[in-house]
Amino acid sequence: MSVNYTKRKVIFLVHSLNVGGMERVVSELLNQFSNNKHLELHLVLFDNQTPLFYTISSTIIIHRPEFEFTGPNIFYSIKVLFFIRKTLSAINADAILSFGEIWNNLVLLSAIGKKMPIFISDRSQPGKSLGGFHELLRKMLYPKAKGIIAQTQTAKIELEKKIKNSNIQVIGNPFSTIANDEKIQKENIVLSVGRLIQTKHHDSLIKLFARLNLPDWKLVIVGEDGLKQKNKSKLEELIKDLDAGNNVVLAGKQTAINEFYLRSEIFAFMSSSEGFPNVIGEALSSGLPVVTFDCVAGPSEIIEDGYNGFLVPLFDFSLFEQKLLSLVTDINMRNEMAKNARLSVEKFSTRNIANNFLKMILPNESITD
């Protein structure tokens, strides 16, 4: 005898599925949620021009506005607000999950006067101001959310200082296991991944690596310019001035990023500002020991100092250099930490994190194979 289930509707809202850490998380959560046949999944995008960088299940229903994205201005925001309100009302979902702190404000604004089960994922660096207007909106609107998801314990503590909402939970980002590929041979590569923006401090990493003078090793930096800072040309000039062209590579934007992780031996990360550093998790899941600054926030919740990598006090470049050199020169330490790296991220598996999200927004549901 067959049983007919009424599917429960879930809506994800995000600006786009262009390349990015938050966008990757959304796509992976959607694909995991699609394994539950009792769910009807909707994805609401605010940008109708940017193509989807990440692949999502064909069962997911995508909604986009008919008007073009004209930039984050007041007129566009008002149009998006009414688009969101109309779409949410038409779908009448059992749970709504919004991503991105500024966009979260817009989603909550769109639901004023309606009883909608809206959960928001706040992705900002703990303590970082969004600006007076958006901070005021966050303080006014976040209490209206049915629940708030923080990426780290530090972020939760900061939100609790500002926001009156009794349902704030910590759920980290999912990290997919990057399986070994026999076709890809390890090389003496120190890898760093991240947009070429000032807070990643790629210039300092390049200078440090050049000082180490390791002719048999290369520093490979994967990432493209961001925030209109145009740092690539500055980094190229720096590499030229240091005569480091044979040992430092700016690899630009890469779609096959897993190959870089698997080909490398060590991951180095000098960012001073993070919400939750996905690239550290990706590095660990591929078996790379990590040397990272202990910035706010995230690294200390992923890296266990001396076990799967090294946590270095922020801007202690001398100690960072020492720890990196110790991994370069001690193959036994490197191999032990590589083994520990994979073990340490099991709790952040895509399935486990997706289950945590689903249990929060729909307590009686779970991911099924």
Protein backbone atom coordinates (compact mmCIF):
# COMPACT_ATOMS: atom_id res chain seq x y z
CA MET A 1 0.00 0.00 0.00
CA SER A 2 1.51 3.34 -1.04
CA VAL A 3 1.45 6.34 1.24
CA ASN A 4 0.93 9.81 -0.18
CA TYR A 5 3.01 12.48 1.53
CA THR A 6 2.22 16.15 1.32
CA LYS A 7 5.54 17.71 0.46
CA ARG A 8 6.79 20.41 2.79
CA LYS A 9 7.92 23.53 0.98
CA VAL A 10 11.30 25.08 1.73
CA ILE A 11 12.59 28.32 0.20
CA PHE A 12 16.24 29.34 -0.03
CA LEU A 13 16.99 33.00 -0.74
CA VAL A 14 20.35 34.33 -1.88
CA HIS A 15 21.48 37.09 -4.21
CA SER A 16 23.03 34.74 -6.79
CA LEU A 17 24.85 31.44 -7.19
CA ASN A 18 27.95 33.06 -8.62
CA VAL A 19 31.35 31.88 -7.39
CA GLY A 20 31.77 32.45 -3.66
CA GLY A 21 31.89 30.74 -0.28
CA MET A 22 28.32 31.51 0.74
CA GLU A 23 27.03 30.54 -2.68
CA ARG A 24 28.86 27.21 -2.52
CA VAL A 25 27.28 26.50 0.87
CA VAL A 26 23.80 27.28 -0.46
CA SER A 27 24.27 24.98 -3.46
CA GLU A 28 25.56 22.10 -1.32
CA LEU A 29 22.73 22.46 1.19
CA LEU A 30 20.17 22.50 -1.61
CA ASN A 31 21.60 19.35 -3.14
CA GLN A 32 21.60 17.57 0.22
CA PHE A 33 18.05 18.71 0.96
CA SER A 34 16.98 17.32 -2.42
CA ASN A 35 17.71 13.82 -1.07
CA ASN A 36 14.64 14.18 1.14
CA LYS A 37 11.73 13.29 -1.14
CA HIS A 38 9.26 14.86 1.25
CA LEU A 39 10.55 18.36 0.46
CA GLU A 40 9.63 20.72 -2.35
CA LEU A 41 12.60 23.04 -2.77
CA HIS A 42 12.52 26.59 -4.12
CA LEU A 43 15.49 28.86 -4.79
CA VAL A 44 14.83 32.60 -4.98
CA LEU A 45 17.62 34.61 -6.63
CA PHE A 46 17.65 38.41 -6.70
CA ASP A 47 20.03 38.69 -9.67
CA ASN A 48 18.49 37.50 -12.94
CA GLN A 49 21.60 37.99 -15.07
CA THR A 50 24.48 36.08 -13.45
CA PRO A 51 24.58 32.42 -14.53
CA LEU A 52 24.71 29.67 -11.92
CA PHE A 53 28.34 28.82 -11.18
CA TYR A 54 27.38 25.86 -9.00
CA THR A 55 25.36 22.86 -10.16
CA ILE A 56 22.14 22.17 -8.29
CA SER A 57 19.57 19.41 -8.56
CA SER A 58 17.10 19.68 -11.44
CA THR A 59 14.27 19.15 -8.93
CA ILE A 60 14.83 22.61 -7.41
CA ILE A 61 12.43 25.30 -8.61
CA ILE A 62 14.24 28.56 -9.37
CA HIS A 63 12.58 31.99 -9.13
CA ARG A 64 14.20 35.14 -10.53
CA PRO A 65 12.88 38.68 -11.02
CA GLU A 66 12.00 39.85 -14.51
CA PHE A 67 13.90 43.11 -14.06
CA GLU A 68 17.68 43.35 -14.43
CA PHE A 69 20.18 43.70 -11.61
CA THR A 70 21.26 47.35 -11.55
CA GLY A 71 23.46 47.29 -8.48
CA PRO A 72 22.78 47.63 -4.76
CA ASN A 73 20.86 50.93 -4.91
CA ILE A 74 17.66 52.01 -3.24
CA PHE A 75 15.48 51.67 -6.35
CA TYR A 76 16.70 48.16 -7.08
CA SER A 77 16.28 47.19 -3.42
CA ILE A 78 12.65 48.35 -3.39
CA LYS A 79 11.90 46.36 -6.55
CA VAL A 80 13.56 43.28 -5.04
CA LEU A 81 11.61 43.74 -1.81
CA PHE A 82 8.27 43.57 -3.64
CA PHE A 83 9.50 40.67 -5.76
CA ILE A 84 10.44 38.74 -2.60
CA ARG A 85 7.14 39.53 -0.88
CA LYS A 86 5.10 38.41 -3.88
CA THR A 87 7.13 35.23 -4.36
CA LEU A 88 7.06 34.19 -0.71
CA SER A 89 3.31 34.78 -0.51
CA ALA A 90 2.68 32.70 -3.63
CA ILE A 91 4.73 29.71 -2.46
CA ASN A 92 3.46 29.73 1.16
CA ALA A 93 6.42 27.72 2.45
CA ASP A 94 6.81 25.71 5.63
CA ALA A 95 10.29 27.16 6.13
CA ILE A 96 12.25 30.02 4.58
CA LEU A 97 16.04 30.25 4.76
CA SER A 98 17.78 33.50 3.82
CA PHE A 99 21.54 34.01 3.36
CA GLY A 100 23.61 37.19 3.60
CA GLU A 101 23.21 39.74 6.37
CA ILE A 102 22.26 42.78 4.26
CA TRP A 103 19.91 40.70 2.10
CA ASN A 104 18.47 39.16 5.28
CA ASN A 105 17.25 42.63 6.24
CA LEU A 106 15.50 42.95 2.88
CA VAL A 107 13.86 39.53 3.22
CA LEU A 108 12.60 40.33 6.72
CA LEU A 109 11.34 43.73 5.54
CA SER A 110 9.43 42.04 2.73
CA ALA A 111 7.56 39.87 5.24
CA ILE A 112 6.35 42.65 7.52
CA GLY A 113 2.66 42.11 8.32
CA LYS A 114 2.80 38.44 7.33
CA LYS A 115 3.45 35.41 9.51
CA MET A 116 6.28 33.67 7.70
CA PRO A 117 8.73 31.11 9.20
CA ILE A 118 11.91 32.96 8.19
CA PHE A 119 15.30 31.71 9.34
CA ILE A 120 18.37 33.76 8.54
CA SER A 121 21.99 32.77 8.14
CA ASP A 122 24.23 35.63 9.23
CA ARG A 123 27.58 35.41 7.43
CA SER A 124 29.36 38.54 8.61
CA GLN A 125 32.58 38.73 10.57
CA PRO A 126 31.71 38.94 14.29
CA GLY A 127 31.71 42.51 15.51
CA LYS A 128 32.00 43.99 12.02
CA SER A 129 29.63 46.89 11.45
CA LEU A 130 27.40 46.83 8.38
CA GLY A 131 27.07 50.60 8.57
CA GLY A 132 24.66 52.68 10.59
CA PHE A 133 21.55 52.12 8.46
CA HIS A 134 21.95 48.36 8.03
CA GLU A 135 22.95 47.90 11.68
CA LEU A 136 19.76 49.69 12.70
CA LEU A 137 17.73 47.45 10.39
CA ARG A 138 19.44 44.34 11.74
CA LYS A 139 18.69 45.38 15.31
CA MET A 140 15.03 46.01 14.44
CA LEU A 141 14.41 43.08 12.08
CA TYR A 142 16.53 40.14 13.27
CA PRO A 143 14.32 39.67 16.38
CA LYS A 144 11.42 38.96 14.00
CA ALA A 145 13.20 35.94 12.50
CA LYS A 146 12.07 32.51 13.68
CA GLY A 147 15.72 31.61 14.10
CA ILE A 148 19.23 32.88 13.40
CA ILE A 149 22.14 30.72 12.28
CA ALA A 150 25.63 31.90 13.22
CA GLN A 151 28.71 30.34 11.68
CA THR A 152 30.83 30.30 14.85
CA GLN A 153 30.45 30.48 18.62
CA THR A 154 32.17 33.88 18.51
CA ALA A 155 29.58 35.12 16.02
CA LYS A 156 26.75 33.86 18.22
CA ILE A 157 28.10 35.71 21.25
CA GLU A 158 28.36 38.95 19.26
CA LEU A 159 24.82 38.55 17.88
CA GLU A 160 23.41 37.92 21.35
CA LYS A 161 24.90 41.24 22.48
CA LYS A 162 22.99 43.12 19.78
CA ILE A 163 19.92 41.05 18.92
CA LYS A 164 16.98 39.97 21.04
CA ASN A 165 16.21 36.58 19.58
CA SER A 166 15.99 33.44 21.74
CA ASN A 167 16.77 31.03 18.90
CA ILE A 168 20.36 31.66 17.78
CA GLN A 169 22.23 28.48 16.89
CA VAL A 170 25.77 27.79 15.67
CA ILE A 171 26.10 25.75 12.48
CA GLY A 172 29.40 25.82 10.63
CA ASN A 173 29.87 25.51 6.89
CA PRO A 174 29.98 22.14 5.14
CA PHE A 175 33.27 20.81 3.82
CA SER A 176 33.16 18.20 1.08
CA THR A 177 35.78 15.49 1.31
CA ILE A 178 38.28 15.85 -1.50
CA ALA A 179 39.26 12.30 -2.40
CA ASN A 180 42.79 11.44 -3.45
CA ASP A 181 43.38 11.06 -7.17
CA GLU A 182 46.18 8.74 -8.25
CA LYS A 183 46.63 10.80 -11.41
CA ILE A 184 47.60 13.86 -9.38
CA GLN A 185 51.10 13.73 -7.95
CA LYS A 186 52.12 15.71 -4.90
CA GLU A 187 54.53 18.61 -5.46
CA ASN A 188 56.43 20.88 -3.10
CA ILE A 189 53.73 23.52 -3.12
CA VAL A 190 52.55 25.87 -0.39
CA LEU A 191 49.01 26.75 -1.45
CA SER A 192 46.89 29.76 -0.55
CA VAL A 193 43.35 30.35 -1.81
CA GLY A 194 41.34 33.56 -1.57
CA ARG A 195 40.34 36.72 -3.36
CA LEU A 196 43.19 39.14 -3.97
CA ILE A 197 41.97 41.65 -1.43
CA GLN A 198 43.95 43.52 1.22
CA THR A 199 42.59 41.62 4.24
CA LYS A 200 44.03 38.35 2.84
CA HIS A 201 47.57 39.83 3.07
CA HIS A 202 48.91 37.97 0.05
CA ASP A 203 51.67 40.56 -0.23
CA SER A 204 52.97 39.64 3.23
CA LEU A 205 52.79 35.94 2.40
CA ILE A 206 54.80 36.49 -0.78
CA LYS A 207 57.46 38.47 1.09
CA LEU A 208 57.66 35.82 3.80
CA PHE A 209 58.00 33.01 1.29
CA ALA A 210 60.70 34.89 -0.62
CA ARG A 211 62.65 35.34 2.62
CA LEU A 212 62.58 31.60 3.25
CA ASN A 213 64.50 31.10 -0.01
CA LEU A 214 63.22 27.61 -0.82
CA PRO A 215 64.38 26.88 -4.39
CA ASP A 216 62.66 23.46 -4.45
CA TRP A 217 59.29 24.83 -3.31
CA LYS A 218 56.62 27.04 -4.88
CA LEU A 219 53.99 29.31 -3.41
CA VAL A 220 50.79 29.10 -5.47
CA ILE A 221 48.02 31.62 -4.84
CA VAL A 222 44.60 30.86 -6.32
CA GLY A 223 42.18 33.78 -6.52
CA GLU A 224 41.11 36.80 -8.52
CA ASP A 225 40.76 40.49 -7.83
CA GLY A 226 37.88 41.52 -5.59
CA LEU A 227 36.20 44.57 -4.05
CA LYS A 228 37.51 46.67 -6.96
CA GLN A 229 40.94 46.78 -5.29
CA LYS A 230 42.91 45.61 -8.37
CA ASN A 231 45.63 43.98 -6.30
CA LYS A 232 46.74 41.45 -8.91
CA SER A 233 48.90 43.96 -10.74
CA LYS A 234 50.45 45.10 -7.43
CA LEU A 235 51.27 41.51 -6.47
CA GLU A 236 52.78 40.86 -9.90
CA GLU A 237 54.99 43.89 -9.45
CA LEU A 238 56.00 42.71 -5.98
CA ILE A 239 56.95 39.27 -7.30
CA LYS A 240 59.04 40.94 -9.98
CA ASP A 241 60.78 43.23 -7.47
CA LEU A 242 61.62 40.23 -5.27
CA ASP A 243 62.87 38.26 -8.27
CA ALA A 244 60.53 35.48 -7.14
CA GLY A 245 58.89 34.67 -10.45
CA ASN A 246 60.23 31.11 -10.51
CA ASN A 247 58.81 30.29 -7.09
CA VAL A 248 55.63 32.34 -6.70
CA VAL A 249 52.62 31.74 -8.97
CA LEU A 250 49.42 33.77 -9.17
CA ALA A 251 47.07 31.14 -10.58
CA GLY A 252 44.01 33.39 -10.87
CA LYS A 253 40.44 32.09 -10.76
CA GLN A 254 40.20 28.31 -11.03
CA THR A 255 37.18 26.03 -11.42
CA ALA A 256 39.14 22.80 -10.82
CA ILE A 257 40.33 23.95 -7.40
CA ASN A 258 40.46 20.40 -6.00
CA GLU A 259 43.46 19.64 -8.19
CA PHE A 260 45.41 22.44 -6.53
CA TYR A 261 44.61 21.12 -3.05
CA LEU A 262 45.60 17.57 -4.00
CA ARG A 263 48.82 18.64 -5.71
CA SER A 264 49.98 20.74 -2.73
CA GLU A 265 51.70 19.80 0.55
CA ILE A 266 50.83 22.73 2.85
CA PHE A 267 48.12 25.37 3.08
CA ALA A 268 49.00 28.91 4.24
CA PHE A 269 46.36 31.48 5.15
CA MET A 270 47.09 35.04 6.31
CA SER A 271 43.60 36.52 6.32
CA SER A 272 42.86 38.96 9.14
CA SER A 273 39.07 39.08 8.68
CA GLU A 274 36.76 36.10 8.24
CA GLY A 275 33.21 35.02 8.92
CA PHE A 276 34.02 31.34 8.46
CA PRO A 277 36.99 30.44 6.24
CA ASN A 278 35.73 27.75 3.86
CA VAL A 279 39.14 27.37 2.25
CA ILE A 280 40.66 26.12 5.51
CA GLY A 281 38.06 23.37 5.66
CA GLU A 282 38.65 22.49 2.02
CA ALA A 283 42.38 22.28 2.66
CA LEU A 284 41.93 20.04 5.69
CA SER A 285 39.46 17.79 3.88
CA SER A 286 42.07 17.24 1.15
CA GLY A 287 44.68 16.31 3.75
CA LEU A 288 46.69 19.53 3.95
CA PRO A 289 48.16 20.77 7.22
CA VAL A 290 47.30 24.45 7.67
CA VAL A 291 49.26 27.45 8.95
CA THR A 292 46.85 30.30 9.63
CA PHE A 293 46.48 33.50 11.57
CA ASP A 294 44.03 33.14 14.45
CA CYS A 295 41.78 35.86 13.11
CA VAL A 296 38.19 36.60 14.05
CA ALA A 297 36.50 34.31 13.35
CA GLY A 298 36.60 30.66 12.42
CA PRO A 299 40.17 29.32 12.35
CA SER A 300 40.21 28.50 16.07
CA GLU A 301 37.03 26.43 15.63
CA ILE A 302 38.59 24.37 12.82
CA ILE A 303 42.32 24.24 13.58
CA GLU A 304 43.63 22.42 16.65
CA ASP A 305 47.08 23.90 17.12
CA GLY A 306 49.78 21.28 16.68
CA TYR A 307 47.30 18.60 15.58
CA ASN A 308 46.05 19.47 12.11
CA GLY A 309 47.94 22.71 11.67
CA PHE A 310 49.20 25.79 13.46
CA LEU A 311 47.25 28.75 14.83
CA VAL A 312 49.43 31.84 14.82
CA PRO A 313 48.52 35.05 16.71
CA LEU A 314 47.30 37.70 14.31
CA PHE A 315 50.14 39.53 12.52
CA ASP A 316 52.89 37.53 14.23
CA PHE A 317 54.74 37.16 10.94
CA SER A 318 57.90 35.83 12.58
CA LEU A 319 56.08 32.92 14.21
CA PHE A 320 54.10 32.28 11.03
CA GLU A 321 57.40 31.97 9.17
CA GLN A 322 58.76 29.55 11.80
CA LYS A 323 55.70 27.31 11.68
CA LEU A 324 55.62 27.25 7.89
CA LEU A 325 59.30 26.40 7.72
CA SER A 326 58.86 23.58 10.26
CA LEU A 327 56.27 21.94 8.00
CA VAL A 328 58.44 22.42 4.93
CA THR A 329 61.48 20.78 6.56
CA ASP A 330 59.84 18.06 8.68
CA ILE A 331 58.15 15.51 6.41
CA ASN A 332 57.09 13.31 9.36
CA MET A 333 55.27 16.21 11.01
CA ARG A 334 53.70 17.09 7.68
CA ASN A 335 52.44 13.55 7.09
CA GLU A 336 51.06 13.20 10.62
CA MET A 337 49.18 16.48 10.39
CA ALA A 338 47.92 15.56 6.92
CA LYS A 339 46.36 12.41 8.37
CA ASN A 340 44.84 14.35 11.26
CA ALA A 341 43.53 17.01 8.89
CA ARG A 342 41.06 14.68 7.18
CA LEU A 343 39.87 13.26 10.51
CA SER A 344 39.31 16.70 12.02
CA VAL A 345 36.68 17.83 9.51
CA GLU A 346 34.34 14.84 9.65
CA LYS A 347 31.90 16.79 11.83
CA PHE A 348 31.74 19.39 9.05
CA SER A 349 30.73 16.88 6.37
CA THR A 350 28.14 18.21 3.93
CA ARG A 351 25.59 15.67 5.11
CA ASN A 352 26.05 16.47 8.81
CA ILE A 353 25.86 20.23 8.31
CA ALA A 354 22.82 19.93 6.02
CA ASN A 355 21.10 17.81 8.66
CA ASN A 356 21.82 20.49 11.27
CA PHE A 357 20.25 23.16 9.05
CA LEU A 358 17.22 20.99 8.26
CA LYS A 359 16.68 20.02 11.90
CA MET A 360 16.65 23.68 12.83
CA ILE A 361 14.12 24.84 10.27
CA LEU A 362 12.02 21.63 10.16
CA PRO A 363 12.72 19.64 13.35
CA ASN A 364 10.91 16.48 12.23
CA GLU A 365 12.78 16.13 8.94
CA SER A 366 16.23 14.76 8.13
CA ILE A 367 18.44 14.15 5.12
CA THR A 368 17.78 10.76 3.56
CA ASP A 369 19.79 8.85 0.97
